Amino acid sequence: MSKRLLSVTAYTTLEYVETTAIGETFEWDSIAVVNATADDEEPTAVQLQLELDNITEEHLPKHMLDMELTPDQARTLAGDLETYADRVEGSED
């Protein structure tokens, strides 16, 4: 992913995620960077950030999503991720 808007460091949550962008007239497979963070000083929200690699993409201009979650929203999302991760692991046995 060249010329990223989202900086990737040792602290980035997930630096390689297989992703599909789906639009009304297209479906495009790519990789993405996903990061969860909060401000170091006086945080007011949990930030969930996502950026797809757009080197060969013609439908979406370079962009990133930066979602601000309340602590309750972040915990709800984390709980759902745990639930579905357990389901996937259970089906692999």
Protein backbone atom coordinates (compact mmCIF):
# COMPACT_ATOMS: atom_id res chain seq x y z
CA MET A 1 0.00 0.00 0.00
CA SER A 2 1.85 3.06 -1.17
CA LYS A 3 1.24 6.64 -0.06
CA ARG A 4 -1.07 5.68 2.79
CA LEU A 5 -3.27 8.16 4.59
CA LEU A 6 -3.17 5.92 7.68
CA SER A 7 0.32 5.51 9.07
CA VAL A 8 1.37 1.93 9.76
CA THR A 9 3.67 1.42 12.72
CA ALA A 10 4.53 -1.27 15.24
CA TYR A 11 1.41 -0.14 17.14
CA THR A 12 -1.01 -0.65 14.22
CA THR A 13 -3.70 -3.16 15.18
CA LEU A 14 -3.89 -5.11 11.89
CA GLU A 15 -1.57 -4.26 9.02
CA TYR A 16 -2.89 -6.83 6.50
CA VAL A 17 -6.57 -7.73 6.22
CA GLU A 18 -8.18 -9.31 3.15
CA THR A 19 -11.03 -7.00 2.17
CA THR A 20 -13.80 -6.65 -0.41
CA ALA A 21 -15.24 -3.26 -1.30
CA ILE A 22 -18.77 -3.65 -2.65
CA GLY A 23 -20.55 -0.90 -4.52
CA GLU A 24 -23.70 -0.70 -6.57
CA THR A 25 -21.80 -1.36 -9.81
CA PHE A 26 -18.57 -3.01 -8.63
CA GLU A 27 -16.96 -5.53 -6.31
CA TRP A 28 -13.24 -5.18 -5.68
CA ASP A 29 -10.90 -7.40 -3.62
CA SER A 30 -8.05 -5.69 -1.86
CA ILE A 31 -6.03 -5.58 1.34
CA ALA A 32 -6.59 -3.12 4.15
CA VAL A 33 -5.03 -1.69 7.26
CA VAL A 34 -7.28 -1.63 10.35
CA ASN A 35 -6.37 0.27 13.50
CA ALA A 36 -8.00 0.92 16.85
CA THR A 37 -6.68 3.81 18.90
CA ALA A 38 -7.51 6.74 21.16
CA ASP A 39 -5.81 10.05 21.83
CA ASP A 40 -2.91 9.78 24.27
CA GLU A 41 -3.99 12.79 26.31
CA GLU A 42 -7.60 13.30 27.35
CA PRO A 43 -9.19 10.75 24.99
CA THR A 44 -12.85 11.40 24.21
CA ALA A 45 -13.56 8.47 21.87
CA VAL A 46 -12.16 5.21 20.54
CA GLN A 47 -11.12 5.58 16.91
CA LEU A 48 -11.55 2.67 14.51
CA GLN A 49 -9.66 3.37 11.30
CA LEU A 50 -9.70 1.51 7.96
CA GLU A 51 -7.83 2.12 4.73
CA LEU A 52 -7.94 -0.07 1.61
CA ASP A 53 -4.98 -0.38 -0.74
CA ASN A 54 -6.05 1.54 -3.82
CA ILE A 55 -3.05 1.08 -6.12
CA THR A 56 -5.14 -0.60 -8.83
CA GLU A 57 -8.59 0.67 -7.79
CA GLU A 58 -10.59 2.74 -10.25
CA HIS A 59 -13.92 3.04 -8.39
CA LEU A 60 -12.83 4.59 -5.09
CA PRO A 61 -10.46 7.52 -4.69
CA LYS A 62 -7.79 7.23 -2.01
CA HIS A 63 -9.54 7.57 1.33
CA MET A 64 -9.76 6.15 4.83
CA LEU A 65 -12.58 5.65 7.29
CA ASP A 66 -12.10 7.09 10.76
CA MET A 67 -14.98 6.10 13.03
CA GLU A 68 -15.39 7.60 16.49
CA LEU A 69 -16.89 5.11 18.92
CA THR A 70 -18.06 5.68 22.45
CA PRO A 71 -16.56 3.29 25.01
CA ASP A 72 -19.89 1.37 25.04
CA GLN A 73 -19.92 1.10 21.23
CA ALA A 74 -16.30 -0.13 21.24
CA ARG A 75 -17.12 -2.77 23.88
CA THR A 76 -20.22 -3.88 21.93
CA LEU A 77 -18.14 -4.26 18.76
CA ALA A 78 -15.40 -6.10 20.65
CA GLY A 79 -17.98 -8.46 22.16
CA ASP A 80 -19.48 -9.25 18.76
CA LEU A 81 -16.01 -9.87 17.30
CA GLU A 82 -15.26 -12.30 20.14
CA THR A 83 -18.59 -14.10 19.63
CA TYR A 84 -18.05 -14.54 15.89
CA ALA A 85 -14.37 -15.49 16.34
CA ASP A 86 -15.47 -18.26 18.73
CA ARG A 87 -18.08 -19.44 16.20
CA VAL A 88 -15.52 -19.61 13.40
CA GLU A 89 -13.00 -21.44 15.60
CA GLY A 90 -15.72 -23.87 16.68
CA SER A 91 -16.63 -24.70 13.09
CA GLU A 92 -12.99 -25.44 12.22
CA ASP A 93 -12.75 -28.27 14.79
